[in-house]
């Protein structure tokens, strides 16, 4: 799902980039690949908040002027302008990009020294913690710090644009990380309630939480009354996550019916690799891509991590899927593509809309 904004976000998006944006989805609910862009935007937002604009175009022009002016500064000059919080945010972004755990920890600790309100640093600390209870404590602490920075009315009357306010994202990330930690530690019901709340706050679901919630509901409690509502709400979701969760829901509810077979046909058209990965013992590459292209082995591998538990729990589901996918399961070409799958690197530039903070003086 994509939000519609009342002004053009870019004049330089070509056709190929737009197609890539539509076909590529995030499988990382923390959306940490946005952190670098967010940290770069903070200083611009701070300067724009001091002015009033008569139109979106005026705000856009001023933003471009700031970016052009900043590009003429040396790196030390740009860094000197940053507040401690902005420096901390950049350190956290670097920590998430770093693959060395000790370096991650050092950057997170340094960020916390610079700014006590850098909530996302607690996610890094929790990831390095071995004790599940301490992980939960750290994430709850991060969520509490992030929530203290927010206008409380946003929680009571969400307008669907929650994620578009950059100040909300640390809270969304900390609560999401908490939900996943609770799920992994066996507190599935609490984890699901966290995800439901996050979707209520941000109905546009920029984090892709729906992709996980559908399978979680089917695995934890397939009779949950809210499942029907969520499948209706996300009926246009055409990723493997959505189509194969819907197929399983149809099988659980309707059994081996014609409508279930139709759901199977739709799922196969969406991604033909999923049945192989769910029904066969195949060597899966250890992929860590945070974005995947729809219809690819990478998407199927990512779905297995989320959806396999629900398929395994539903009596007869995997046997039925295997029976209806027999031609795919023995297809050497498909098997070779799975085994040789590499980290996904979507082409094209990801273009984000102007943060709503930049518009609040004239909205």
Protein backbone atom coordinates (compact mmCIF):
# COMPACT_ATOMS: atom_id res chain seq x y z
CA UNK A 1 0.00 0.00 0.00
CA UNK A 2 1.26 3.45 -0.88
CA UNK A 3 0.11 6.80 0.44
CA UNK A 4 -1.02 9.54 -1.95
CA UNK A 5 0.54 12.95 -1.36
CA UNK A 6 -0.84 16.28 -2.55
CA UNK A 7 2.24 17.32 -4.53
CA UNK A 8 4.83 15.75 -6.86
CA UNK A 9 7.61 14.14 -4.83
CA UNK A 10 10.15 14.21 -7.65
CA UNK A 11 10.50 15.40 -11.21
CA UNK A 12 13.24 12.89 -11.97
CA UNK A 13 11.55 9.50 -11.48
CA UNK A 14 11.87 7.61 -14.75
CA UNK A 15 9.61 4.76 -15.85
CA UNK A 16 12.03 2.00 -14.93
CA UNK A 17 12.52 3.38 -11.42
CA UNK A 18 8.76 3.56 -10.87
CA UNK A 19 8.33 -0.07 -11.96
CA UNK A 20 11.13 -1.10 -9.62
CA UNK A 21 9.50 0.72 -6.71
CA UNK A 22 6.23 -1.10 -7.32
CA UNK A 23 7.71 -4.60 -7.69
CA UNK A 24 10.23 -4.47 -4.87
CA UNK A 25 9.02 -4.91 -1.29
CA UNK A 26 10.67 -4.56 2.08
CA UNK A 27 10.90 -7.75 4.15
CA UNK A 28 12.57 -5.91 7.02
CA UNK A 29 9.83 -4.58 9.33
CA UNK A 30 12.31 -2.19 10.97
CA UNK A 31 12.96 -0.56 7.57
CA UNK A 32 16.48 0.27 8.68
CA UNK A 33 17.58 1.06 5.12
CA UNK A 34 15.64 4.33 5.52
CA UNK A 35 17.67 5.38 8.56
CA UNK A 36 20.51 6.95 6.58
CA UNK A 37 18.08 9.12 4.61
CA UNK A 38 16.21 10.03 7.79
CA UNK A 39 19.36 11.11 9.60
CA UNK A 40 20.33 13.25 6.61
CA UNK A 41 16.88 14.90 6.62
CA UNK A 42 16.85 15.98 10.27
CA UNK A 43 18.98 19.09 9.85
CA UNK A 44 16.90 20.18 6.84
CA UNK A 45 13.68 19.71 8.79
CA UNK A 46 15.04 21.76 11.69
CA UNK A 47 15.76 24.71 9.40
CA UNK A 48 12.45 24.47 7.55
CA UNK A 49 10.46 24.40 10.78
CA UNK A 50 11.64 27.97 11.44
CA UNK A 51 9.88 29.24 8.31
CA UNK A 52 6.34 29.44 6.96
CA UNK A 53 5.42 28.48 3.41
CA UNK A 54 2.47 29.53 1.30
CA UNK A 55 2.44 26.38 -0.82
CA UNK A 56 3.99 22.92 -1.14
CA UNK A 57 5.93 24.19 -4.13
CA UNK A 58 7.51 26.95 -2.04
CA UNK A 59 8.54 24.44 0.62
CA UNK A 60 9.94 22.13 -2.05
CA UNK A 61 11.97 24.94 -3.65
CA UNK A 62 13.39 25.99 -0.29
CA UNK A 63 14.31 22.40 0.53
CA UNK A 64 16.20 22.12 -2.78
CA UNK A 65 17.99 25.39 -2.02
CA UNK A 66 19.14 24.03 1.34
CA UNK A 67 20.37 20.81 -0.27
CA UNK A 68 22.27 22.77 -2.93
CA UNK A 69 23.80 25.07 -0.33
CA UNK A 70 24.85 22.14 1.86
CA UNK A 71 26.46 20.39 -1.09
CA UNK A 72 28.95 23.29 -1.36
CA UNK A 73 30.15 22.80 2.22
CA UNK A 74 33.03 20.55 3.18
CA UNK A 75 32.25 17.44 5.21
CA UNK A 76 33.67 18.95 8.46
CA UNK A 77 31.54 22.06 7.92
CA UNK A 78 28.39 19.96 7.47
CA UNK A 79 29.16 17.85 10.53
CA UNK A 80 29.79 20.99 12.62
CA UNK A 81 26.19 22.07 11.98
CA UNK A 82 24.71 18.88 13.44
CA UNK A 83 23.17 18.69 16.89
CA UNK A 84 24.15 15.89 19.26
CA UNK A 85 20.88 14.10 18.48
CA UNK A 86 21.55 14.29 14.74
CA UNK A 87 25.05 12.89 15.25
CA UNK A 88 23.59 10.11 17.40
CA UNK A 89 21.04 9.27 14.72
CA UNK A 90 23.79 8.98 12.13
CA UNK A 91 25.80 6.69 14.40
CA UNK A 92 22.78 4.40 14.81
CA UNK A 93 22.28 4.32 11.04
CA UNK A 94 25.94 3.33 10.64
CA UNK A 95 25.52 0.67 13.33
CA UNK A 96 22.64 -0.98 11.48
CA UNK A 97 24.67 -1.03 8.26
CA UNK A 98 27.74 -2.51 9.99
CA UNK A 99 28.10 -6.31 9.98
CA UNK A 100 30.66 -6.35 12.80
CA UNK A 101 28.77 -6.82 16.10
CA UNK A 102 31.46 -5.18 18.23
CA UNK A 103 31.45 -2.12 15.95
CA UNK A 104 27.65 -2.03 16.09
CA UNK A 105 27.72 -2.04 19.87
CA UNK A 106 30.37 0.70 20.06
CA UNK A 107 28.41 2.96 17.73
CA UNK A 108 25.17 2.40 19.65
CA UNK A 109 26.85 3.15 22.97
CA UNK A 110 28.45 6.30 21.54
CA UNK A 111 25.08 7.40 20.19
CA UNK A 112 23.52 7.00 23.64
CA UNK A 113 26.28 9.11 25.18
CA UNK A 114 25.59 11.88 22.67
CA UNK A 115 21.82 11.79 23.12
CA UNK A 116 19.74 10.12 25.81
CA UNK A 117 16.69 10.17 23.50
CA UNK A 118 18.23 8.16 20.66
CA UNK A 119 15.74 5.32 21.12
CA UNK A 120 16.80 3.14 18.18
CA UNK A 121 20.16 2.53 19.85
CA UNK A 122 18.27 0.24 22.23
CA UNK A 123 17.40 -2.04 19.30
CA UNK A 124 21.11 -2.56 18.67
CA UNK A 125 21.71 -3.25 22.38
CA UNK A 126 18.83 -5.75 22.44
CA UNK A 127 20.13 -7.57 19.37
CA UNK A 128 23.44 -8.14 21.17
CA UNK A 129 21.84 -9.30 24.41
CA UNK A 130 21.60 -13.05 25.12
CA UNK A 131 19.00 -13.00 27.90
CA UNK A 132 15.46 -12.85 26.41
CA UNK A 133 14.08 -10.98 29.41
CA UNK A 134 16.81 -8.34 29.10
CA UNK A 135 16.12 -8.03 25.37
CA UNK A 136 12.48 -7.24 26.13
CA UNK A 137 13.49 -4.78 28.86
CA UNK A 138 15.81 -2.88 26.50
CA UNK A 139 13.20 -2.68 23.75
CA UNK A 140 10.53 -1.52 26.17
CA UNK A 141 12.95 1.15 27.40
CA UNK A 142 13.60 2.30 23.83
CA UNK A 143 9.87 2.39 23.11
CA UNK A 144 9.24 4.41 26.28
CA UNK A 145 11.93 6.97 25.34
CA UNK A 146 10.60 7.24 21.79
CA UNK A 147 6.99 7.64 22.98
CA UNK A 148 8.03 10.51 25.27
CA UNK A 149 8.99 12.53 22.18
CA UNK A 150 5.54 12.22 20.57
CA UNK A 151 2.32 14.19 20.65
CA UNK A 152 0.02 11.84 22.59
CA UNK A 153 -3.02 12.85 20.50
CA UNK A 154 -1.43 11.00 17.57
CA UNK A 155 -2.07 7.73 19.42
CA UNK A 156 -5.74 8.49 20.07
CA UNK A 157 -6.66 9.78 16.62
CA UNK A 158 -4.21 8.35 14.05
CA UNK A 159 -4.66 9.76 10.56
CA UNK A 160 -2.90 6.99 8.63
CA UNK A 161 0.22 9.08 8.07
CA UNK A 162 1.90 8.11 11.35
CA UNK A 163 5.07 6.77 9.69
CA UNK A 164 5.44 9.86 7.50
CA UNK A 165 6.28 11.91 10.59
CA UNK A 166 9.95 11.13 11.13
CA UNK A 167 9.64 11.68 14.87
CA UNK A 168 7.35 8.62 15.10
CA UNK A 169 9.73 6.17 13.43
CA UNK A 170 11.92 5.36 16.45
CA UNK A 171 8.76 4.43 18.34
CA UNK A 172 7.49 2.30 15.45
CA UNK A 173 10.82 0.53 15.12
CA UNK A 174 11.24 -0.14 18.85
CA UNK A 175 7.70 -1.47 19.20
CA UNK A 176 8.12 -3.64 16.10
CA UNK A 177 11.39 -5.07 17.39
CA UNK A 178 9.64 -5.76 20.71
CA UNK A 179 6.79 -7.58 18.93
CA UNK A 180 9.20 -9.83 17.05
CA UNK A 181 11.20 -10.58 20.18
CA UNK A 182 8.00 -11.51 22.03
CA UNK A 183 6.91 -13.74 19.13
CA UNK A 184 10.25 -15.56 19.09
CA UNK A 185 10.18 -16.03 22.87
CA UNK A 186 6.72 -17.64 22.86
CA UNK A 187 4.50 -14.67 23.77
CA UNK A 188 2.65 -14.79 20.46
CA UNK A 189 -0.61 -13.27 21.64
CA UNK A 190 1.13 -10.17 23.01
CA UNK A 191 3.27 -9.88 19.89
CA UNK A 192 0.18 -9.96 17.65
CA UNK A 193 -1.52 -7.22 19.69
CA UNK A 194 1.54 -4.99 19.26
CA UNK A 195 1.41 -5.47 15.47
CA UNK A 196 -2.32 -4.80 15.36
CA UNK A 197 -1.77 -1.54 17.27
CA UNK A 198 1.02 -0.48 14.93
CA UNK A 199 -1.25 -1.09 11.94
CA UNK A 200 -3.98 0.95 13.58
CA UNK A 201 -1.55 3.83 14.04
CA UNK A 202 -0.23 3.59 10.48
CA UNK A 203 -2.81 2.09 8.17
CA UNK A 204 -0.58 2.62 5.14
CA UNK A 205 1.79 0.06 6.70
CA UNK A 206 5.09 1.39 5.37
CA UNK A 207 6.84 -1.29 7.44
CA UNK A 208 5.10 -4.21 5.72
CA UNK A 209 3.83 -5.56 9.04
CA UNK A 210 0.77 -7.03 7.29
CA UNK A 211 3.10 -9.47 5.54
CA UNK A 212 3.97 -11.01 8.90
CA UNK A 213 0.67 -10.53 10.73
CA UNK A 214 -1.36 -12.67 8.32
CA UNK A 215 0.88 -15.71 8.83
CA UNK A 216 1.19 -15.06 12.56
CA UNK A 217 -2.59 -15.08 12.98
CA UNK A 218 -2.92 -18.31 11.03
CA UNK A 219 -0.19 -19.97 13.06
CA UNK A 220 -1.29 -18.78 16.48
CA UNK A 221 -5.08 -18.78 16.18
CA UNK A 222 -6.61 -19.55 12.81
CA UNK A 223 -10.10 -18.95 14.25
CA UNK A 224 -9.32 -15.35 15.26
CA UNK A 225 -12.26 -13.21 14.15
CA UNK A 226 -9.91 -10.47 12.95
CA UNK A 227 -8.40 -12.67 10.22
CA UNK A 228 -11.35 -12.13 7.89
CA UNK A 229 -11.08 -8.37 8.36
CA UNK A 230 -7.36 -8.27 7.66
CA UNK A 231 -7.63 -10.39 4.53
CA UNK A 232 -10.40 -8.09 3.32
CA UNK A 233 -8.34 -5.01 4.17
CA UNK A 234 -5.24 -6.38 2.41
CA UNK A 235 -7.06 -8.08 -0.49
CA UNK A 236 -4.91 -6.20 -3.00
CA UNK A 237 -1.67 -7.57 -1.45
CA UNK A 238 -0.06 -9.50 -4.32
CA UNK A 239 3.21 -10.51 -2.71
CA UNK A 240 3.98 -14.17 -1.93
CA UNK A 241 3.42 -13.25 1.73
CA UNK A 242 -0.15 -12.18 1.02
CA UNK A 243 -1.13 -14.76 -1.61
CA UNK A 244 0.18 -17.84 0.21
CA UNK A 245 -1.24 -16.70 3.55
CA UNK A 246 -4.59 -16.23 1.79
CA UNK A 247 -4.29 -19.68 0.21
CA UNK A 248 -3.69 -21.26 3.61
CA UNK A 249 -6.63 -19.35 5.08
CA UNK A 250 -8.87 -20.67 2.29
CA UNK A 251 -7.64 -24.23 2.89
CA UNK A 252 -8.26 -23.99 6.65
CA UNK A 253 -11.70 -22.46 6.16
CA UNK A 254 -12.96 -24.15 2.99
CA UNK A 255 -10.85 -27.31 2.69
CA UNK A 256 -10.20 -28.77 -0.77
CA UNK A 257 -12.80 -26.58 -2.45
CA UNK A 258 -12.86 -24.99 -5.88
CA UNK A 259 -12.30 -21.59 -4.29
CA UNK A 260 -9.17 -22.94 -2.58
CA UNK A 261 -7.89 -24.21 -5.94
CA UNK A 262 -8.50 -20.77 -7.44
CA UNK A 263 -6.50 -19.25 -4.58
CA UNK A 264 -3.74 -21.75 -5.34
CA UNK A 265 -3.67 -20.71 -9.01
CA UNK A 266 -3.38 -17.05 -7.98
CA UNK A 267 -0.55 -17.84 -5.56
CA UNK A 268 1.41 -19.85 -8.16
CA UNK A 269 1.12 -16.98 -10.63
CA UNK A 270 2.45 -14.68 -7.93
CA UNK A 271 5.47 -16.86 -7.00
CA UNK A 272 6.11 -20.40 -8.26
CA UNK A 273 9.08 -21.02 -5.96
CA UNK A 274 7.17 -21.08 -2.66
CA UNK A 275 5.75 -24.67 -2.90
CA UNK A 276 9.25 -26.06 -3.48
CA UNK A 277 10.64 -24.22 -0.47
CA UNK A 278 7.72 -25.24 1.77
CA UNK A 279 7.39 -28.88 0.65
CA UNK A 280 10.92 -29.99 -0.25
CA UNK A 281 14.16 -30.25 1.69
CA UNK A 282 16.29 -27.98 -0.52
CA UNK A 283 19.53 -26.17 0.20
CA UNK A 284 18.54 -22.56 0.82
CA UNK A 285 21.10 -19.76 0.52
CA UNK A 286 21.52 -17.72 3.71
CA UNK A 287 20.08 -14.52 2.27
CA UNK A 288 19.80 -11.38 4.35
CA UNK A 289 18.36 -9.01 1.75
CA UNK A 290 16.10 -6.41 3.32
CA UNK A 291 14.24 -5.86 0.05
CA UNK A 292 13.19 -8.50 -2.45
CA UNK A 293 11.65 -8.51 -5.91
CA UNK A 294 8.19 -10.03 -6.19
CA UNK A 295 8.05 -13.45 -7.83
CA UNK A 296 11.70 -14.35 -7.17
CA UNK A 297 13.39 -17.13 -5.16
CA UNK A 298 14.53 -14.42 -2.73
CA UNK A 299 10.92 -13.53 -1.96
CA UNK A 300 10.05 -17.22 -1.48
CA UNK A 301 12.97 -17.72 0.90
CA UNK A 302 11.94 -14.66 2.89
CA UNK A 303 8.36 -15.94 3.05
CA UNK A 304 9.45 -19.31 4.41
CA UNK A 305 10.96 -17.61 7.45
CA UNK A 306 7.60 -16.01 8.20
CA UNK A 307 4.99 -18.39 6.85
CA UNK A 308 6.31 -21.94 7.26
CA UNK A 309 5.11 -22.29 10.86
CA UNK A 310 1.50 -21.63 9.89
CA UNK A 311 1.62 -24.06 6.95
CA UNK A 312 3.22 -26.73 9.11
CA UNK A 313 0.62 -26.34 11.86
CA UNK A 314 -2.44 -26.58 9.59
CA UNK A 315 -3.37 -30.29 9.32
CA UNK A 316 -3.04 -31.57 5.76
CA UNK A 317 -2.04 -28.21 4.27
CA UNK A 318 1.48 -29.11 3.17
CA UNK A 319 0.35 -32.47 1.74
CA UNK A 320 -2.37 -30.72 -0.25
CA UNK A 321 0.08 -28.08 -1.50
CA UNK A 322 2.56 -30.80 -2.49
CA UNK A 323 -0.13 -32.68 -4.41
CA UNK A 324 -1.17 -29.59 -6.36
CA UNK A 325 2.42 -28.47 -7.03
CA UNK A 326 3.90 -31.75 -8.24
CA UNK A 327 5.05 -30.31 -11.59
CA UNK A 328 6.88 -27.49 -9.82
CA UNK A 329 8.53 -29.63 -7.17
CA UNK A 330 10.53 -31.63 -9.70
CA UNK A 331 11.37 -28.71 -12.00
CA UNK A 332 15.18 -28.62 -12.15
CA UNK A 333 15.25 -25.10 -13.52
CA UNK A 334 13.32 -23.78 -10.53
CA UNK A 335 15.49 -25.77 -8.10
CA UNK A 336 18.66 -24.38 -9.68
CA UNK A 337 17.35 -20.83 -9.40
CA UNK A 338 16.63 -21.32 -5.70
CA UNK A 339 20.03 -22.83 -4.92
CA UNK A 340 21.88 -20.11 -6.86
CA UNK A 341 19.84 -17.19 -5.52
CA UNK A 342 21.98 -14.23 -4.47
CA UNK A 343 21.39 -11.22 -2.28
CA UNK A 344 18.80 -8.99 -3.88
CA UNK A 345 20.01 -5.60 -5.08
CA UNK A 346 17.04 -3.76 -6.61
CA UNK A 347 18.06 -1.31 -9.30
CA UNK A 348 16.85 2.26 -9.41
CA UNK A 349 16.75 4.92 -6.73
CA UNK A 350 14.23 4.77 -3.91
CA UNK A 351 12.47 8.12 -3.80
CA UNK A 352 10.75 9.00 -0.55
CA UNK A 353 8.04 11.69 -0.28
CA UNK A 354 8.79 14.90 1.55
CA UNK A 355 8.31 14.25 5.29
CA UNK A 356 5.11 15.74 6.62
CA UNK A 357 7.06 17.83 9.14
CA UNK A 358 8.14 19.98 6.20
CA UNK A 359 4.52 20.71 5.30
CA UNK A 360 2.95 21.40 8.68
CA UNK A 361 3.19 25.20 8.46
CA UNK A 362 0.80 25.43 5.55
CA UNK A 363 -1.38 22.31 5.87
